[in-house]
Amino acid sequence: MSGCAEASRRCAAKKASRPSLQFVRKISGYRAPSRANAPAFDAAVKEVSASSRRLLSGLAS
């Protein structure tokens, strides 16, 4: 894999990560979840981020 392609994938992952956190914060109403809710919150952020990465990687240029 070329360095450029790897850098592009890392960039896409970073692009998906922060908006995913913001999205989950918005729909949950929590800026920082309680300790009891943290596992569900973190899992939701990871799922939204993964879905976003799949979308970005599947789009035609």
C-alpha atoms as a PDB file:
ATOM      1  CA  MET A   1       0.000   0.000   0.000  1.00  0.00           C
ATOM      2  CA  SER A   2       1.376   3.389  -0.877  1.00  0.00           C
ATOM      3  CA  GLY A   3       2.106   5.915   1.827  1.00  0.00           C
ATOM      4  CA  CYS A   4      -0.351   8.294   0.221  1.00  0.00           C
ATOM      5  CA  ALA A   5      -3.203   5.784   0.421  1.00  0.00           C
ATOM      6  CA  GLU A   6      -2.374   4.998   4.057  1.00  0.00           C
ATOM      7  CA  ALA A   7      -2.319   8.703   4.918  1.00  0.00           C
ATOM      8  CA  SER A   8      -5.673   9.112   3.186  1.00  0.00           C
ATOM      9  CA  ARG A   9      -7.197   6.329   5.296  1.00  0.00           C
ATOM     10  CA  ARG A  10      -5.857   7.847   8.519  1.00  0.00           C
ATOM     11  CA  CYS A  11      -7.255  11.206   7.452  1.00  0.00           C
ATOM     12  CA  ALA A  12     -10.675   9.667   6.754  1.00  0.00           C
ATOM     13  CA  ALA A  13     -10.639   7.997  10.172  1.00  0.00           C
ATOM     14  CA  LYS A  14      -9.858  11.310  11.864  1.00  0.00           C
ATOM     15  CA  LYS A  15     -12.553  13.060   9.838  1.00  0.00           C
ATOM     16  CA  ALA A  16     -15.119  10.501  11.018  1.00  0.00           C
ATOM     17  CA  SER A  17     -14.076  10.444  14.671  1.00  0.00           C
ATOM     18  CA  ARG A  18     -14.805  13.966  15.902  1.00  0.00           C
ATOM     19  CA  PRO A  19     -18.172  14.400  14.150  1.00  0.00           C
ATOM     20  CA  SER A  20     -19.204  10.987  15.486  1.00  0.00           C
ATOM     21  CA  LEU A  21     -18.540  12.130  19.035  1.00  0.00           C
ATOM     22  CA  GLN A  22     -20.471  15.353  18.410  1.00  0.00           C
ATOM     23  CA  PHE A  23     -23.380  13.400  16.909  1.00  0.00           C
ATOM     24  CA  VAL A  24     -23.623  11.010  19.865  1.00  0.00           C
ATOM     25  CA  ARG A  25     -23.380  13.919  22.312  1.00  0.00           C
ATOM     26  CA  LYS A  26     -26.209  15.683  20.492  1.00  0.00           C
ATOM     27  CA  ILE A  27     -28.617  12.754  20.298  1.00  0.00           C
ATOM     28  CA  SER A  28     -27.874  11.479  23.818  1.00  0.00           C
ATOM     29  CA  GLY A  29     -28.018  14.872  25.477  1.00  0.00           C
ATOM     30  CA  TYR A  30     -24.742  14.121  27.305  1.00  0.00           C
ATOM     31  CA  ARG A  31     -21.548  16.048  26.892  1.00  0.00           C
ATOM     32  CA  ALA A  32     -19.814  13.584  29.186  1.00  0.00           C
ATOM     33  CA  PRO A  33     -21.797  10.488  30.180  1.00  0.00           C
ATOM     34  CA  SER A  34     -21.851   9.085  33.696  1.00  0.00           C
ATOM     35  CA  ARG A  35     -19.582   6.171  34.477  1.00  0.00           C
ATOM     36  CA  ALA A  36     -22.582   3.849  34.197  1.00  0.00           C
ATOM     37  CA  ASN A  37     -23.435   5.146  30.705  1.00  0.00           C
ATOM     38  CA  ALA A  38     -19.877   5.472  29.396  1.00  0.00           C
ATOM     39  CA  PRO A  39     -19.674   1.990  27.802  1.00  0.00           C
ATOM     40  CA  ALA A  40     -22.864   2.529  25.783  1.00  0.00           C
ATOM     41  CA  PHE A  41     -21.781   6.059  24.849  1.00  0.00           C
ATOM     42  CA  ASP A  42     -18.314   4.945  23.724  1.00  0.00           C
ATOM     43  CA  ALA A  43     -19.753   2.022  21.745  1.00  0.00           C
ATOM     44  CA  ALA A  44     -22.148   4.371  19.961  1.00  0.00           C
ATOM     45  CA  VAL A  45     -19.303   6.723  19.016  1.00  0.00           C
ATOM     46  CA  LYS A  46     -17.312   3.792  17.589  1.00  0.00           C
ATOM     47  CA  GLU A  47     -20.314   2.500  15.624  1.00  0.00           C
ATOM     48  CA  VAL A  48     -21.128   5.908  14.128  1.00  0.00           C
ATOM     49  CA  SER A  49     -17.464   6.434  13.279  1.00  0.00           C
ATOM     50  CA  ALA A  50     -17.209   3.023  11.589  1.00  0.00           C
ATOM     51  CA  SER A  51     -20.362   3.693   9.568  1.00  0.00           C
ATOM     52  CA  SER A  52     -19.003   7.067   8.504  1.00  0.00           C
ATOM     53  CA  ARG A  53     -15.697   5.528   7.401  1.00  0.00           C
ATOM     54  CA  ARG A  54     -17.554   2.896   5.356  1.00  0.00           C
ATOM     55  CA  LEU A  55     -19.572   5.633   3.692  1.00  0.00           C
ATOM     56  CA  LEU A  56     -16.506   7.742   2.898  1.00  0.00           C
ATOM     57  CA  SER A  57     -14.543   4.799   1.537  1.00  0.00           C
ATOM     58  CA  GLY A  58     -17.464   3.691  -0.628  1.00  0.00           C
ATOM     59  CA  LEU A  59     -18.115   7.027  -2.298  1.00  0.00           C
ATOM     60  CA  ALA A  60     -16.929   7.504  -5.857  1.00  0.00           C
ATOM     61  CA  SER A  61     -14.522  10.389  -6.324  1.00  0.00           C
END
